[in-house]
Amino acid sequence: MNIATHRFRGFDSNENTSTGLLNALSEGVKYFEFDVRITGDSVPVVNHDHSTKNQFKSTVNIRKTKYHEIREIKYKLSSAPGIMTLEE
């Protein structure tokens, strides 16, 4: 059976986190759908929305904000590391 996940959701973590990705891989997921946004300093990050409004404690526009600033913003409901880059 082939299993797919949308934004690594449903694997005991916030969506679009490295923890969610690793949990999905350990459960045998082979296909992933996620969105990539580009920060103000051209770093590709994994996030569904153009801002951090829905998942994070602070709201910034990803395209207008540098990666090191976005990385410091914490998730609302999790202690997961901040927004992950595409490279991660």
PDB file of N, CA and C in Angstrom:
ATOM      1  N   MET A   1       0.831  -1.167   0.000  1.00  0.00           N
ATOM      2  CA  MET A   1       0.000   0.000   0.000  1.00  0.00           C
ATOM      3  C   MET A   1       0.887   1.246   0.000  1.00  0.00           C
ATOM      4  N   ASN A   2       0.495   2.248  -0.777  1.00  0.00           N
ATOM      5  CA  ASN A   2       1.195   3.529  -0.796  1.00  0.00           C
ATOM      6  C   ASN A   2       0.465   4.515   0.096  1.00  0.00           C
ATOM      7  N   ILE A   3       1.217   5.199   0.940  1.00  0.00           N
ATOM      8  CA  ILE A   3       0.642   6.176   1.857  1.00  0.00           C
ATOM      9  C   ILE A   3       1.211   7.548   1.524  1.00  0.00           C
ATOM     10  N   ALA A   4       0.328   8.543   1.486  1.00  0.00           N
ATOM     11  CA  ALA A   4       0.746   9.925   1.242  1.00  0.00           C
ATOM     12  C   ALA A   4       0.323  10.774   2.437  1.00  0.00           C
ATOM     13  N   THR A   5       1.028  11.876   2.643  1.00  0.00           N
ATOM     14  CA  THR A   5       0.654  12.813   3.696  1.00  0.00           C
ATOM     15  C   THR A   5       0.633  14.233   3.149  1.00  0.00           C
ATOM     16  N   HIS A   6      -0.274  15.010   3.684  1.00  0.00           N
ATOM     17  CA  HIS A   6      -0.424  16.413   3.314  1.00  0.00           C
ATOM     18  C   HIS A   6       0.191  17.265   4.412  1.00  0.00           C
ATOM     19  N   ARG A   7       1.312  17.899   4.121  1.00  0.00           N
ATOM     20  CA  ARG A   7       2.036  18.756   5.075  1.00  0.00           C
ATOM     21  C   ARG A   7       2.509  17.998   6.317  1.00  0.00           C
ATOM     22  N   PHE A   8       2.767  16.689   6.190  1.00  0.00           N
ATOM     23  CA  PHE A   8       3.245  15.823   7.287  1.00  0.00           C
ATOM     24  C   PHE A   8       2.231  15.793   8.431  1.00  0.00           C
ATOM     25  N   ARG A   9       0.992  16.128   8.151  1.00  0.00           N
ATOM     26  CA  ARG A   9      -0.056  16.201   9.165  1.00  0.00           C
ATOM     27  C   ARG A   9      -0.473  14.799   9.598  1.00  0.00           C
ATOM     28  N   GLY A  10      -0.834  14.664  10.882  1.00  0.00           N
ATOM     29  CA  GLY A  10      -1.351  13.412  11.393  1.00  0.00           C
ATOM     30  C   GLY A  10      -0.296  12.491  11.972  1.00  0.00           C
ATOM     31  N   PHE A  11       0.887  13.004  12.224  1.00  0.00           N
ATOM     32  CA  PHE A  11       1.974  12.175  12.751  1.00  0.00           C
ATOM     33  C   PHE A  11       2.530  12.759  14.044  1.00  0.00           C
ATOM     34  N   ASP A  12       1.626  13.120  14.945  1.00  0.00           N
ATOM     35  CA  ASP A  12       1.962  13.597  16.297  1.00  0.00           C
ATOM     36  C   ASP A  12       2.889  14.804  16.315  1.00  0.00           C
ATOM     37  N   SER A  13       2.634  15.755  15.443  1.00  0.00           N
ATOM     38  CA  SER A  13       3.409  16.994  15.465  1.00  0.00           C
ATOM     39  C   SER A  13       2.648  18.070  14.695  1.00  0.00           C
ATOM     40  N   ASN A  14       3.145  19.301  14.777  1.00  0.00           N
ATOM     41  CA  ASN A  14       2.576  20.365  13.954  1.00  0.00           C
ATOM     42  C   ASN A  14       2.831  20.041  12.491  1.00  0.00           C
ATOM     43  N   GLU A  15       1.983  20.578  11.619  1.00  0.00           N
ATOM     44  CA  GLU A  15       2.222  20.369  10.193  1.00  0.00           C
ATOM     45  C   GLU A  15       3.510  21.067   9.765  1.00  0.00           C
ATOM     46  N   ASN A  16       4.122  20.525   8.732  1.00  0.00           N
ATOM     47  CA  ASN A  16       5.326  21.098   8.122  1.00  0.00           C
ATOM     48  C   ASN A  16       6.531  21.161   9.059  1.00  0.00           C
ATOM     49  N   THR A  17       6.658  20.231   9.993  1.00  0.00           N
ATOM     50  CA  THR A  17       7.825  20.216  10.876  1.00  0.00           C
ATOM     51  C   THR A  17       8.730  19.033  10.548  1.00  0.00           C
ATOM     52  N   SER A  18       9.986  19.158  10.922  1.00  0.00           N
ATOM     53  CA  SER A  18      10.915  18.047  10.710  1.00  0.00           C
ATOM     54  C   SER A  18      10.486  16.830  11.527  1.00  0.00           C
ATOM     55  N   THR A  19       9.898  17.057  12.697  1.00  0.00           N
ATOM     56  CA  THR A  19       9.396  15.950  13.510  1.00  0.00           C
ATOM     57  C   THR A  19       8.282  15.211  12.776  1.00  0.00           C
ATOM     58  N   GLY A  20       7.352  15.959  12.190  1.00  0.00           N
ATOM     59  CA  GLY A  20       6.274  15.351  11.419  1.00  0.00           C
ATOM     60  C   GLY A  20       6.799  14.560  10.237  1.00  0.00           C
ATOM     61  N   LEU A  21       7.799  15.104   9.552  1.00  0.00           N
ATOM     62  CA  LEU A  21       8.416  14.416   8.417  1.00  0.00           C
ATOM     63  C   LEU A  21       9.062  13.104   8.865  1.00  0.00           C
ATOM     64  N   LEU A  22       9.854  13.154   9.926  1.00  0.00           N
ATOM     65  CA  LEU A  22      10.527  11.938  10.415  1.00  0.00           C
ATOM     66  C   LEU A  22       9.522  10.900  10.907  1.00  0.00           C
ATOM     67  N   ASN A  23       8.475  11.358  11.600  1.00  0.00           N
ATOM     68  CA  ASN A  23       7.436  10.432  12.062  1.00  0.00           C
ATOM     69  C   ASN A  23       6.729   9.777  10.881  1.00  0.00           C
ATOM     70  N   ALA A  24       6.424  10.551   9.850  1.00  0.00           N
ATOM     71  CA  ALA A  24       5.763  10.003   8.662  1.00  0.00           C
ATOM     72  C   ALA A  24       6.659   8.977   7.974  1.00  0.00           C
ATOM     73  N   LEU A  25       7.933   9.289   7.840  1.00  0.00           N
ATOM     74  CA  LEU A  25       8.871   8.337   7.227  1.00  0.00           C
ATOM     75  C   LEU A  25       8.939   7.040   8.018  1.00  0.00           C
ATOM     76  N   SER A  26       8.961   7.142   9.336  1.00  0.00           N
ATOM     77  CA  SER A  26       9.052   5.942  10.170  1.00  0.00           C
ATOM     78  C   SER A  26       7.773   5.092  10.079  1.00  0.00           C
ATOM     79  N   GLU A  27       6.664   5.711   9.671  1.00  0.00           N
ATOM     80  CA  GLU A  27       5.399   4.988   9.503  1.00  0.00           C
ATOM     81  C   GLU A  27       5.223   4.451   8.083  1.00  0.00           C
ATOM     82  N   GLY A  28       6.236   4.654   7.241  1.00  0.00           N
ATOM     83  CA  GLY A  28       6.186   4.104   5.892  1.00  0.00           C
ATOM     84  C   GLY A  28       5.633   5.011   4.817  1.00  0.00           C
ATOM     85  N   VAL A  29       5.425   6.273   5.133  1.00  0.00           N
ATOM     86  CA  VAL A  29       4.925   7.206   4.121  1.00  0.00           C
ATOM     87  C   VAL A  29       5.976   7.377   3.029  1.00  0.00           C
ATOM     88  N   LYS A  30       5.534   7.321   1.791  1.00  0.00           N
ATOM     89  CA  LYS A  30       6.443   7.444   0.654  1.00  0.00           C
ATOM     90  C   LYS A  30       6.195   8.699  -0.178  1.00  0.00           C
ATOM     91  N   TYR A  31       5.035   9.306  -0.017  1.00  0.00           N
ATOM     92  CA  TYR A  31       4.678  10.467  -0.824  1.00  0.00           C
ATOM     93  C   TYR A  31       4.278  11.636   0.079  1.00  0.00           C
ATOM     94  N   PHE A  32       4.768  12.821  -0.268  1.00  0.00           N
ATOM     95  CA  PHE A  32       4.545  14.007   0.536  1.00  0.00           C
ATOM     96  C   PHE A  32       4.069  15.155  -0.334  1.00  0.00           C
ATOM     97  N   GLU A  33       3.140  15.938   0.183  1.00  0.00           N
ATOM     98  CA  GLU A  33       2.728  17.175  -0.466  1.00  0.00           C
ATOM     99  C   GLU A  33       2.943  18.278   0.552  1.00  0.00           C
ATOM    100  N   PHE A  34       3.689  19.301   0.153  1.00  0.00           N
ATOM    101  CA  PHE A  34       3.907  20.448   1.027  1.00  0.00           C
ATOM    102  C   PHE A  34       4.208  21.665   0.172  1.00  0.00           C
ATOM    103  N   ASP A  35       4.124  22.832   0.782  1.00  0.00           N
ATOM    104  CA  ASP A  35       4.339  24.091   0.075  1.00  0.00           C
ATOM    105  C   ASP A  35       5.671  24.702   0.484  1.00  0.00           C
ATOM    106  N   VAL A  36       6.280  25.408  -0.453  1.00  0.00           N
ATOM    107  CA  VAL A  36       7.549  26.098  -0.195  1.00  0.00           C
ATOM    108  C   VAL A  36       7.349  27.583  -0.430  1.00  0.00           C
ATOM    109  N   ARG A  37       7.812  28.375   0.510  1.00  0.00           N
ATOM    110  CA  ARG A  37       7.794  29.839   0.413  1.00  0.00           C
ATOM    111  C   ARG A  37       9.232  30.343   0.449  1.00  0.00           C
ATOM    112  N   ILE A  38       9.457  31.490  -0.122  1.00  0.00           N
ATOM    113  CA  ILE A  38      10.800  32.091  -0.153  1.00  0.00           C
ATOM    114  C   ILE A  38      10.833  33.275   0.806  1.00  0.00           C
ATOM    115  N   THR A  39      11.826  33.289   1.699  1.00  0.00           N
ATOM    116  CA  THR A  39      11.955  34.379   2.665  1.00  0.00           C
ATOM    117  C   THR A  39      12.517  35.632   1.996  1.00  0.00           C
ATOM    118  N   GLY A  40      12.555  36.710   2.742  1.00  0.00           N
ATOM    119  CA  GLY A  40      13.076  37.978   2.250  1.00  0.00           C
ATOM    120  C   GLY A  40      14.532  37.920   1.837  1.00  0.00           C
ATOM    121  N   ASP A  41      15.279  36.957   2.382  1.00  0.00           N
ATOM    122  CA  ASP A  41      16.683  36.797   1.982  1.00  0.00           C
ATOM    123  C   ASP A  41      16.884  35.532   1.146  1.00  0.00           C
ATOM    124  N   SER A  42      15.820  35.105   0.463  1.00  0.00           N
ATOM    125  CA  SER A  42      15.848  34.029  -0.541  1.00  0.00           C
ATOM    126  C   SER A  42      16.101  32.627  -0.007  1.00  0.00           C
ATOM    127  N   VAL A  43      15.679  32.351   1.215  1.00  0.00           N
ATOM    128  CA  VAL A  43      15.795  31.006   1.778  1.00  0.00           C
ATOM    129  C   VAL A  43      14.459  30.295   1.573  1.00  0.00           C
ATOM    130  N   PRO A  44      14.447  29.129   0.900  1.00  0.00           N
ATOM    131  CA  PRO A  44      13.194  28.389   0.750  1.00  0.00           C
ATOM    132  C   PRO A  44      12.817  27.693   2.059  1.00  0.00           C
ATOM    133  N   VAL A  45      11.598  27.941   2.532  1.00  0.00           N
ATOM    134  CA  VAL A  45      11.112  27.338   3.771  1.00  0.00           C
ATOM    135  C   VAL A  45       9.812  26.587   3.498  1.00  0.00           C
ATOM    136  N   VAL A  46       9.523  25.613   4.354  1.00  0.00           N
ATOM    137  CA  VAL A  46       8.320  24.792   4.205  1.00  0.00           C
ATOM    138  C   VAL A  46       7.206  25.403   5.060  1.00  0.00           C
ATOM    139  N   ASN A  47       6.216  25.981   4.381  1.00  0.00           N
ATOM    140  CA  ASN A  47       5.065  26.560   5.076  1.00  0.00           C
ATOM    141  C   ASN A  47       3.917  26.691   4.089  1.00  0.00           C
ATOM    142  N   HIS A  48       2.723  26.360   4.514  1.00  0.00           N
ATOM    143  CA  HIS A  48       1.562  26.409   3.621  1.00  0.00           C
ATOM    144  C   HIS A  48       1.161  27.834   3.262  1.00  0.00           C
ATOM    145  N   ASP A  49       1.143  28.716   4.233  1.00  0.00           N
ATOM    146  CA  ASP A  49       0.643  30.073   4.025  1.00  0.00           C
ATOM    147  C   ASP A  49       1.769  31.059   3.719  1.00  0.00           C
ATOM    148  N   HIS A  50       1.381  32.214   3.195  1.00  0.00           N
ATOM    149  CA  HIS A  50       2.370  33.260   2.904  1.00  0.00           C
ATOM    150  C   HIS A  50       2.851  33.964   4.178  1.00  0.00           C
ATOM    151  N   SER A  51       2.149  33.702   5.291  1.00  0.00           N
ATOM    152  CA  SER A  51       2.561  34.282   6.568  1.00  0.00           C
ATOM    153  C   SER A  51       2.636  33.189   7.625  1.00  0.00           C
ATOM    154  N   THR A  52       3.052  33.571   8.817  1.00  0.00           N
ATOM    155  CA  THR A  52       3.164  32.612   9.924  1.00  0.00           C
ATOM    156  C   THR A  52       1.927  32.643  10.822  1.00  0.00           C
ATOM    157  N   LYS A  53       0.881  33.282  10.392  1.00  0.00           N
ATOM    158  CA  LYS A  53      -0.314  33.535  11.209  1.00  0.00           C
ATOM    159  C   LYS A  53      -0.940  32.277  11.827  1.00  0.00           C
ATOM    160  N   ASN A  54      -1.155  31.240  11.066  1.00  0.00           N
ATOM    161  CA  ASN A  54      -1.936  30.093  11.548  1.00  0.00           C
ATOM    162  C   ASN A  54      -1.195  29.171  12.500  1.00  0.00           C
ATOM    163  N   GLN A  55       0.078  28.975  12.324  1.00  0.00           N
ATOM    164  CA  GLN A  55       0.822  27.988  13.100  1.00  0.00           C
ATOM    165  C   GLN A  55       1.718  28.566  14.195  1.00  0.00           C
ATOM    166  N   PHE A  56       2.074  29.836  14.077  1.00  0.00           N
ATOM    167  CA  PHE A  56       3.100  30.408  14.942  1.00  0.00           C
ATOM    168  C   PHE A  56       2.567  31.477  15.886  1.00  0.00           C
ATOM    169  N   LYS A  57       3.322  31.772  16.932  1.00  0.00           N
ATOM    170  CA  LYS A  57       2.915  32.749  17.943  1.00  0.00           C
ATOM    171  C   LYS A  57       2.979  34.190  17.444  1.00  0.00           C
ATOM    172  N   SER A  58       3.818  34.466  16.462  1.00  0.00           N
ATOM    173  CA  SER A  58       3.929  35.810  15.882  1.00  0.00           C
ATOM    174  C   SER A  58       3.613  35.725  14.397  1.00  0.00           C
ATOM    175  N   THR A  59       3.046  36.788  13.871  1.00  0.00           N
ATOM    176  CA  THR A  59       2.680  36.802  12.450  1.00  0.00           C
ATOM    177  C   THR A  59       3.613  37.710  11.669  1.00  0.00           C
ATOM    178  N   VAL A  60       4.264  37.139  10.667  1.00  0.00           N
ATOM    179  CA  VAL A  60       5.086  37.911   9.734  1.00  0.00           C
ATOM    180  C   VAL A  60       4.804  37.412   8.324  1.00  0.00           C
ATOM    181  N   ASN A  61       5.014  38.269   7.350  1.00  0.00           N
ATOM    182  CA  ASN A  61       4.937  37.893   5.952  1.00  0.00           C
ATOM    183  C   ASN A  61       6.269  37.237   5.589  1.00  0.00           C
ATOM    184  N   ILE A  62       6.247  36.001   5.175  1.00  0.00           N
ATOM    185  CA  ILE A  62       7.486  35.245   4.923  1.00  0.00           C
ATOM    186  C   ILE A  62       8.333  35.911   3.854  1.00  0.00           C
ATOM    187  N   ARG A  63       7.722  36.356   2.782  1.00  0.00           N
ATOM    188  CA  ARG A  63       8.458  36.960   1.669  1.00  0.00           C
ATOM    189  C   ARG A  63       9.187  38.249   2.079  1.00  0.00           C
ATOM    190  N   LYS A  64       8.679  38.921   3.105  1.00  0.00           N
ATOM    191  CA  LYS A  64       9.250  40.208   3.521  1.00  0.00           C
ATOM    192  C   LYS A  64      10.154  40.099   4.752  1.00  0.00           C
ATOM    193  N   THR A  65      10.390  38.882   5.240  1.00  0.00           N
ATOM    194  CA  THR A  65      11.138  38.701   6.487  1.00  0.00           C
ATOM    195  C   THR A  65      12.332  37.791   6.262  1.00  0.00           C
ATOM    196  N   LYS A  66      13.459  38.124   6.876  1.00  0.00           N
ATOM    197  CA  LYS A  66      14.668  37.306   6.742  1.00  0.00           C
ATOM    198  C   LYS A  66      14.528  35.998   7.516  1.00  0.00           C
ATOM    199  N   TYR A  67      15.189  34.975   6.999  1.00  0.00           N
ATOM    200  CA  TYR A  67      15.066  33.639   7.575  1.00  0.00           C
ATOM    201  C   TYR A  67      15.427  33.601   9.060  1.00  0.00           C
ATOM    202  N   HIS A  68      16.528  34.229   9.448  1.00  0.00           N
ATOM    203  CA  HIS A  68      16.941  34.139  10.857  1.00  0.00           C
ATOM    204  C   HIS A  68      15.886  34.732  11.801  1.00  0.00           C
ATOM    205  N   GLU A  69      15.102  35.684  11.316  1.00  0.00           N
ATOM    206  CA  GLU A  69      14.019  36.246  12.129  1.00  0.00           C
ATOM    207  C   GLU A  69      12.840  35.269  12.210  1.00  0.00           C
ATOM    208  N   ILE A  70      12.500  34.655  11.102  1.00  0.00           N
ATOM    209  CA  ILE A  70      11.396  33.697  11.060  1.00  0.00           C
ATOM    210  C   ILE A  70      11.720  32.466  11.892  1.00  0.00           C
ATOM    211  N   ARG A  71      12.947  32.016  11.839  1.00  0.00           N
ATOM    212  CA  ARG A  71      13.350  30.795  12.556  1.00  0.00           C
ATOM    213  C   ARG A  71      13.143  30.931  14.067  1.00  0.00           C
ATOM    214  N   GLU A  72      13.202  32.139  14.583  1.00  0.00           N
ATOM    215  CA  GLU A  72      13.047  32.372  16.022  1.00  0.00           C
ATOM    216  C   GLU A  72      11.596  32.317  16.494  1.00  0.00           C
ATOM    217  N   ILE A  73      10.640  32.403  15.571  1.00  0.00           N
ATOM    218  CA  ILE A  73       9.225  32.392  15.948  1.00  0.00           C
ATOM    219  C   ILE A  73       8.823  30.976  16.351  1.00  0.00           C
ATOM    220  N   LYS A  74       8.152  30.855  17.471  1.00  0.00           N
ATOM    221  CA  LYS A  74       7.772  29.546  18.015  1.00  0.00           C
ATOM    222  C   LYS A  74       6.370  29.143  17.564  1.00  0.00           C
ATOM    223  N   TYR A  75       6.159  27.841  17.473  1.00  0.00           N
ATOM    224  CA  TYR A  75       4.834  27.303  17.166  1.00  0.00           C
ATOM    225  C   TYR A  75       3.858  27.598  18.304  1.00  0.00           C
ATOM    226  N   LYS A  76       2.593  27.755  17.985  1.00  0.00           N
ATOM    227  CA  LYS A  76       1.557  28.016  18.986  1.00  0.00           C
ATOM    228  C   LYS A  76       1.341  26.829  19.912  1.00  0.00           C
ATOM    229  N   LEU A  77       1.286  25.628  19.372  1.00  0.00           N
ATOM    230  CA  LEU A  77       0.871  24.459  20.145  1.00  0.00           C
ATOM    231  C   LEU A  77       1.956  23.401  20.295  1.00  0.00           C
ATOM    232  N   SER A  78       3.198  23.757  20.077  1.00  0.00           N
ATOM    233  CA  SER A  78       4.240  22.745  20.084  1.00  0.00           C
ATOM    234  C   SER A  78       5.573  23.364  20.477  1.00  0.00           C
ATOM    235  N   SER A  79       6.458  22.507  20.939  1.00  0.00           N
ATOM    236  CA  SER A  79       7.824  22.952  21.221  1.00  0.00           C
ATOM    237  C   SER A  79       8.760  22.565  20.075  1.00  0.00           C
ATOM    238  N   ALA A  80       8.188  22.219  18.928  1.00  0.00           N
ATOM    239  CA  ALA A  80       8.999  21.850  17.759  1.00  0.00           C
ATOM    240  C   ALA A  80       9.901  23.026  17.379  1.00  0.00           C
ATOM    241  N   PRO A  81      11.046  22.718  16.768  1.00  0.00           N
ATOM    242  CA  PRO A  81      11.910  23.795  16.277  1.00  0.00           C
ATOM    243  C   PRO A  81      11.128  24.683  15.309  1.00  0.00           C
ATOM    244  N   GLY A  82      11.604  25.898  15.106  1.00  0.00           N
ATOM    245  CA  GLY A  82      10.921  26.841  14.218  1.00  0.00           C
ATOM    246  C   GLY A  82      10.798  26.334  12.796  1.00  0.00           C
ATOM    247  N   ILE A  83      10.300  27.183  11.936  1.00  0.00           N
ATOM    248  CA  ILE A  83      10.033  26.850  10.543  1.00  0.00           C
ATOM    249  C   ILE A  83      11.234  26.165   9.898  1.00  0.00           C
ATOM    250  N   MET A  84      10.986  25.129   9.133  1.00  0.00           N
ATOM    251  CA  MET A  84      12.090  24.364   8.559  1.00  0.00           C
ATOM    252  C   MET A  84      12.378  24.817   7.123  1.00  0.00           C
ATOM    253  N   THR A  85      13.642  24.732   6.749  1.00  0.00           N
ATOM    254  CA  THR A  85      14.036  25.077   5.393  1.00  0.00           C
ATOM    255  C   THR A  85      13.803  23.876   4.484  1.00  0.00           C
ATOM    256  N   LEU A  86      13.753  24.127   3.197  1.00  0.00           N
ATOM    257  CA  LEU A  86      13.595  23.041   2.235  1.00  0.00           C
ATOM    258  C   LEU A  86      14.795  22.096   2.310  1.00  0.00           C
ATOM    259  N   GLU A  87      15.960  22.648   2.550  1.00  0.00           N
ATOM    260  CA  GLU A  87      17.182  21.834   2.654  1.00  0.00           C
ATOM    261  C   GLU A  87      17.105  20.831   3.818  1.00  0.00           C
ATOM    262  N   GLU A  88      16.503  21.258   4.920  1.00  0.00           N
ATOM    263  CA  GLU A  88      16.379  20.361   6.075  1.00  0.00           C
ATOM    264  C   GLU A  88      15.542  19.152   5.725  1.00  0.00           C
TER     265      GLU A  88
END
